[in-house]
């Protein structure tokens, strides 16, 4: 058997069984990448090339794709990426954003169909029906700036000690 790990010849893609087994072990076992490479007789690079992102069960807020975890660390930290447009964000933020979009769509559909029960029109309901004040990009920038500020403050405190 020729090891993909040590072969210098142009690489042929590994057999489908190896790809399927590698993905199954990678996503469902707690084995380290080093353990997986030894067990599958692959280099780390070859292993990472054949790992496919794991679906997160979310649609992309941009519209076209599915959100997925690109690796186990992203899954553990709740960080998802769109397989189509490349959008990356925390899973919780994406879920919240999609929930707000779904609620807004439901309210619009209810208002457009006279056969469906109508939503009360008071100040609080109108406030809830408005689109969220921040879009996803602004939220990302605000989060990054807040993280930077906290890092600077902590760095200053640690430097004094």
C-alpha atoms as a PDB file:
ATOM      1  CA  UNK A   1       0.000   0.000   0.000  1.00  0.00           C
ATOM      2  CA  UNK A   2       1.380   3.417  -0.957  1.00  0.00           C
ATOM      3  CA  UNK A   3       1.044   5.982   1.757  1.00  0.00           C
ATOM      4  CA  UNK A   4      -0.389   9.334   0.701  1.00  0.00           C
ATOM      5  CA  UNK A   5       1.775  10.740   3.448  1.00  0.00           C
ATOM      6  CA  UNK A   6       5.088   9.861   1.799  1.00  0.00           C
ATOM      7  CA  UNK A   7       4.336   9.774  -1.896  1.00  0.00           C
ATOM      8  CA  UNK A   8       6.074  12.466  -3.963  1.00  0.00           C
ATOM      9  CA  UNK A   9       4.076  11.683  -7.102  1.00  0.00           C
ATOM     10  CA  UNK A  10       1.121  13.878  -8.074  1.00  0.00           C
ATOM     11  CA  UNK A  11      -1.691  13.033  -5.707  1.00  0.00           C
ATOM     12  CA  UNK A  12      -4.771  11.261  -6.851  1.00  0.00           C
ATOM     13  CA  UNK A  13      -7.794  12.022  -4.753  1.00  0.00           C
ATOM     14  CA  UNK A  14      -8.240   9.424  -2.025  1.00  0.00           C
ATOM     15  CA  UNK A  15     -10.975   6.836  -2.518  1.00  0.00           C
ATOM     16  CA  UNK A  16     -14.492   7.855  -1.539  1.00  0.00           C
ATOM     17  CA  UNK A  17     -14.441   5.384   1.368  1.00  0.00           C
ATOM     18  CA  UNK A  18     -11.384   7.144   2.841  1.00  0.00           C
ATOM     19  CA  UNK A  19     -12.988  10.576   2.394  1.00  0.00           C
ATOM     20  CA  UNK A  20     -16.219   9.388   4.008  1.00  0.00           C
ATOM     21  CA  UNK A  21     -14.405   7.695   6.901  1.00  0.00           C
ATOM     22  CA  UNK A  22     -12.139  10.719   7.442  1.00  0.00           C
ATOM     23  CA  UNK A  23     -15.121  13.076   7.626  1.00  0.00           C
ATOM     24  CA  UNK A  24     -17.025  10.727   9.920  1.00  0.00           C
ATOM     25  CA  UNK A  25     -14.073  10.356  12.297  1.00  0.00           C
ATOM     26  CA  UNK A  26     -13.163  14.040  12.149  1.00  0.00           C
ATOM     27  CA  UNK A  27     -16.651  15.318  12.982  1.00  0.00           C
ATOM     28  CA  UNK A  28     -17.902  12.578  15.322  1.00  0.00           C
ATOM     29  CA  UNK A  29     -14.856  11.424  17.282  1.00  0.00           C
ATOM     30  CA  UNK A  30     -12.792  13.251  19.822  1.00  0.00           C
ATOM     31  CA  UNK A  31      -9.589  11.972  18.239  1.00  0.00           C
ATOM     32  CA  UNK A  32      -6.872  14.523  17.581  1.00  0.00           C
ATOM     33  CA  UNK A  33      -5.874  15.373  14.031  1.00  0.00           C
ATOM     34  CA  UNK A  34      -2.551  13.605  14.618  1.00  0.00           C
ATOM     35  CA  UNK A  35      -4.386  10.432  15.685  1.00  0.00           C
ATOM     36  CA  UNK A  36      -6.623  10.637  12.624  1.00  0.00           C
ATOM     37  CA  UNK A  37      -3.697  11.113  10.238  1.00  0.00           C
ATOM     38  CA  UNK A  38      -1.956   8.047  11.691  1.00  0.00           C
ATOM     39  CA  UNK A  39      -5.121   5.950  11.568  1.00  0.00           C
ATOM     40  CA  UNK A  40      -6.005   6.985   8.008  1.00  0.00           C
ATOM     41  CA  UNK A  41      -2.382   7.081   6.798  1.00  0.00           C
ATOM     42  CA  UNK A  42      -2.732  10.641   5.516  1.00  0.00           C
ATOM     43  CA  UNK A  43      -0.728  13.802   5.993  1.00  0.00           C
ATOM     44  CA  UNK A  44      -2.378  16.659   7.872  1.00  0.00           C
ATOM     45  CA  UNK A  45      -2.617  18.621   4.640  1.00  0.00           C
ATOM     46  CA  UNK A  46      -4.306  15.719   2.848  1.00  0.00           C
ATOM     47  CA  UNK A  47      -6.714  15.259   5.749  1.00  0.00           C
ATOM     48  CA  UNK A  48      -7.681  18.933   5.803  1.00  0.00           C
ATOM     49  CA  UNK A  49      -8.161  18.895   2.009  1.00  0.00           C
ATOM     50  CA  UNK A  50     -10.753  16.124   2.169  1.00  0.00           C
ATOM     51  CA  UNK A  51     -12.685  17.363   5.208  1.00  0.00           C
ATOM     52  CA  UNK A  52     -15.975  18.899   4.129  1.00  0.00           C
ATOM     53  CA  UNK A  53     -17.665  21.594   6.238  1.00  0.00           C
ATOM     54  CA  UNK A  54     -20.398  20.381   8.582  1.00  0.00           C
ATOM     55  CA  UNK A  55     -23.844  21.889   7.994  1.00  0.00           C
ATOM     56  CA  UNK A  56     -24.983  24.125  10.850  1.00  0.00           C
ATOM     57  CA  UNK A  57     -28.672  23.909   9.967  1.00  0.00           C
ATOM     58  CA  UNK A  58     -28.927  27.613   9.130  1.00  0.00           C
ATOM     59  CA  UNK A  59     -29.501  29.453   5.900  1.00  0.00           C
ATOM     60  CA  UNK A  60     -27.254  32.371   5.049  1.00  0.00           C
ATOM     61  CA  UNK A  61     -28.738  35.803   5.829  1.00  0.00           C
ATOM     62  CA  UNK A  62     -27.451  36.981   2.441  1.00  0.00           C
ATOM     63  CA  UNK A  63     -29.811  34.572   0.770  1.00  0.00           C
ATOM     64  CA  UNK A  64     -28.057  31.973  -1.317  1.00  0.00           C
ATOM     65  CA  UNK A  65     -26.246  29.426   0.777  1.00  0.00           C
ATOM     66  CA  UNK A  66     -26.100  27.281   3.832  1.00  0.00           C
ATOM     67  CA  UNK A  67     -24.112  28.100   6.930  1.00  0.00           C
ATOM     68  CA  UNK A  68     -21.574  25.481   8.002  1.00  0.00           C
ATOM     69  CA  UNK A  69     -18.774  24.851  10.462  1.00  0.00           C
ATOM     70  CA  UNK A  70     -15.459  24.822   8.588  1.00  0.00           C
ATOM     71  CA  UNK A  71     -13.675  22.807  11.277  1.00  0.00           C
ATOM     72  CA  UNK A  72     -14.150  21.402  14.780  1.00  0.00           C
ATOM     73  CA  UNK A  73     -12.771  24.495  16.477  1.00  0.00           C
ATOM     74  CA  UNK A  74     -15.336  26.651  14.663  1.00  0.00           C
ATOM     75  CA  UNK A  75     -18.074  24.243  15.747  1.00  0.00           C
ATOM     76  CA  UNK A  76     -16.914  24.307  19.392  1.00  0.00           C
ATOM     77  CA  UNK A  77     -16.819  28.100  19.387  1.00  0.00           C
ATOM     78  CA  UNK A  78     -20.114  28.497  17.495  1.00  0.00           C
ATOM     79  CA  UNK A  79     -18.562  30.188  14.462  1.00  0.00           C
ATOM     80  CA  UNK A  80     -20.281  29.570  11.103  1.00  0.00           C
ATOM     81  CA  UNK A  81     -19.449  30.406   7.485  1.00  0.00           C
ATOM     82  CA  UNK A  82     -21.559  30.524   4.338  1.00  0.00           C
ATOM     83  CA  UNK A  83     -20.531  27.918   1.787  1.00  0.00           C
ATOM     84  CA  UNK A  84     -21.650  30.217  -1.048  1.00  0.00           C
ATOM     85  CA  UNK A  85     -20.781  33.836  -0.231  1.00  0.00           C
ATOM     86  CA  UNK A  86     -18.163  33.339   2.502  1.00  0.00           C
ATOM     87  CA  UNK A  87     -19.977  35.321   5.233  1.00  0.00           C
ATOM     88  CA  UNK A  88     -18.549  34.419   8.655  1.00  0.00           C
ATOM     89  CA  UNK A  89     -20.154  35.182  12.024  1.00  0.00           C
ATOM     90  CA  UNK A  90     -21.077  33.690  15.358  1.00  0.00           C
ATOM     91  CA  UNK A  91     -23.893  31.167  15.106  1.00  0.00           C
ATOM     92  CA  UNK A  92     -25.907  32.945  17.801  1.00  0.00           C
ATOM     93  CA  UNK A  93     -25.792  36.262  15.907  1.00  0.00           C
ATOM     94  CA  UNK A  94     -26.900  34.579  12.677  1.00  0.00           C
ATOM     95  CA  UNK A  95     -29.771  32.779  14.454  1.00  0.00           C
ATOM     96  CA  UNK A  96     -30.929  36.030  16.090  1.00  0.00           C
ATOM     97  CA  UNK A  97     -30.746  37.881  12.776  1.00  0.00           C
ATOM     98  CA  UNK A  98     -32.702  35.151  10.952  1.00  0.00           C
ATOM     99  CA  UNK A  99     -35.321  35.064  13.726  1.00  0.00           C
ATOM    100  CA  UNK A 100     -35.799  38.828  13.352  1.00  0.00           C
ATOM    101  CA  UNK A 101     -36.074  38.471   9.564  1.00  0.00           C
ATOM    102  CA  UNK A 102     -38.599  35.630   9.903  1.00  0.00           C
ATOM    103  CA  UNK A 103     -40.683  37.628  12.387  1.00  0.00           C
ATOM    104  CA  UNK A 104     -40.674  40.690  10.121  1.00  0.00           C
ATOM    105  CA  UNK A 105     -41.678  38.549   7.133  1.00  0.00           C
ATOM    106  CA  UNK A 106     -44.509  36.938   9.112  1.00  0.00           C
ATOM    107  CA  UNK A 107     -45.826  40.342  10.178  1.00  0.00           C
ATOM    108  CA  UNK A 108     -45.683  41.610   6.581  1.00  0.00           C
ATOM    109  CA  UNK A 109     -47.514  38.516   5.291  1.00  0.00           C
ATOM    110  CA  UNK A 110     -50.176  38.835   7.977  1.00  0.00           C
ATOM    111  CA  UNK A 111     -50.738  42.493   7.152  1.00  0.00           C
ATOM    112  CA  UNK A 112     -50.960  41.735   3.426  1.00  0.00           C
ATOM    113  CA  UNK A 113     -53.571  38.950   3.790  1.00  0.00           C
ATOM    114  CA  UNK A 114     -56.930  40.231   5.064  1.00  0.00           C
ATOM    115  CA  UNK A 115     -58.009  36.650   5.878  1.00  0.00           C
ATOM    116  CA  UNK A 116     -55.342  36.282   8.549  1.00  0.00           C
ATOM    117  CA  UNK A 117     -55.638  37.798  12.018  1.00  0.00           C
ATOM    118  CA  UNK A 118     -54.301  41.322  12.118  1.00  0.00           C
ATOM    119  CA  UNK A 119     -51.508  42.455  14.386  1.00  0.00           C
ATOM    120  CA  UNK A 120     -52.388  45.189  16.871  1.00  0.00           C
ATOM    121  CA  UNK A 121     -51.157  48.572  15.833  1.00  0.00           C
ATOM    122  CA  UNK A 122     -49.887  50.218  18.975  1.00  0.00           C
ATOM    123  CA  UNK A 123     -46.559  51.900  19.710  1.00  0.00           C
ATOM    124  CA  UNK A 124     -44.828  48.779  21.019  1.00  0.00           C
ATOM    125  CA  UNK A 125     -45.922  46.589  18.111  1.00  0.00           C
ATOM    126  CA  UNK A 126     -44.823  49.175  15.571  1.00  0.00           C
ATOM    127  CA  UNK A 127     -41.452  49.339  17.280  1.00  0.00           C
ATOM    128  CA  UNK A 128     -41.096  45.552  17.019  1.00  0.00           C
ATOM    129  CA  UNK A 129     -42.115  45.572  13.351  1.00  0.00           C
ATOM    130  CA  UNK A 130     -39.347  47.948  12.325  1.00  0.00           C
ATOM    131  CA  UNK A 131     -36.270  46.369  10.799  1.00  0.00           C
ATOM    132  CA  UNK A 132     -33.427  45.918  13.244  1.00  0.00           C
ATOM    133  CA  UNK A 133     -31.410  49.114  13.661  1.00  0.00           C
ATOM    134  CA  UNK A 134     -28.108  47.398  12.845  1.00  0.00           C
ATOM    135  CA  UNK A 135     -27.309  45.089  10.049  1.00  0.00           C
ATOM    136  CA  UNK A 136     -24.916  42.204  10.412  1.00  0.00           C
ATOM    137  CA  UNK A 137     -21.863  44.118   9.210  1.00  0.00           C
ATOM    138  CA  UNK A 138     -22.323  46.919  11.743  1.00  0.00           C
ATOM    139  CA  UNK A 139     -22.700  44.351  14.497  1.00  0.00           C
ATOM    140  CA  UNK A 140     -19.430  42.702  13.479  1.00  0.00           C
ATOM    141  CA  UNK A 141     -17.579  46.019  13.479  1.00  0.00           C
ATOM    142  CA  UNK A 142     -19.023  46.986  16.860  1.00  0.00           C
ATOM    143  CA  UNK A 143     -18.038  43.609  18.313  1.00  0.00           C
ATOM    144  CA  UNK A 144     -14.504  43.948  16.973  1.00  0.00           C
ATOM    145  CA  UNK A 145     -14.135  47.468  18.386  1.00  0.00           C
ATOM    146  CA  UNK A 146     -15.480  46.388  21.777  1.00  0.00           C
ATOM    147  CA  UNK A 147     -13.032  43.481  21.830  1.00  0.00           C
ATOM    148  CA  UNK A 148     -10.174  45.788  20.930  1.00  0.00           C
ATOM    149  CA  UNK A 149     -11.114  48.231  23.694  1.00  0.00           C
ATOM    150  CA  UNK A 150     -11.318  45.466  26.294  1.00  0.00           C
ATOM    151  CA  UNK A 151      -7.971  44.092  25.110  1.00  0.00           C
ATOM    152  CA  UNK A 152      -6.303  47.479  25.415  1.00  0.00           C
ATOM    153  CA  UNK A 153      -7.673  48.034  28.915  1.00  0.00           C
ATOM    154  CA  UNK A 154      -6.597  44.573  30.071  1.00  0.00           C
ATOM    155  CA  UNK A 155      -3.191  45.005  28.445  1.00  0.00           C
ATOM    156  CA  UNK A 156      -2.686  48.289  30.273  1.00  0.00           C
ATOM    157  CA  UNK A 157      -3.683  46.747  33.594  1.00  0.00           C
ATOM    158  CA  UNK A 158      -1.388  43.754  33.138  1.00  0.00           C
ATOM    159  CA  UNK A 159       1.526  45.931  32.069  1.00  0.00           C
ATOM    160  CA  UNK A 160       1.330  47.922  35.320  1.00  0.00           C
ATOM    161  CA  UNK A 161       1.772  44.812  37.455  1.00  0.00           C
END
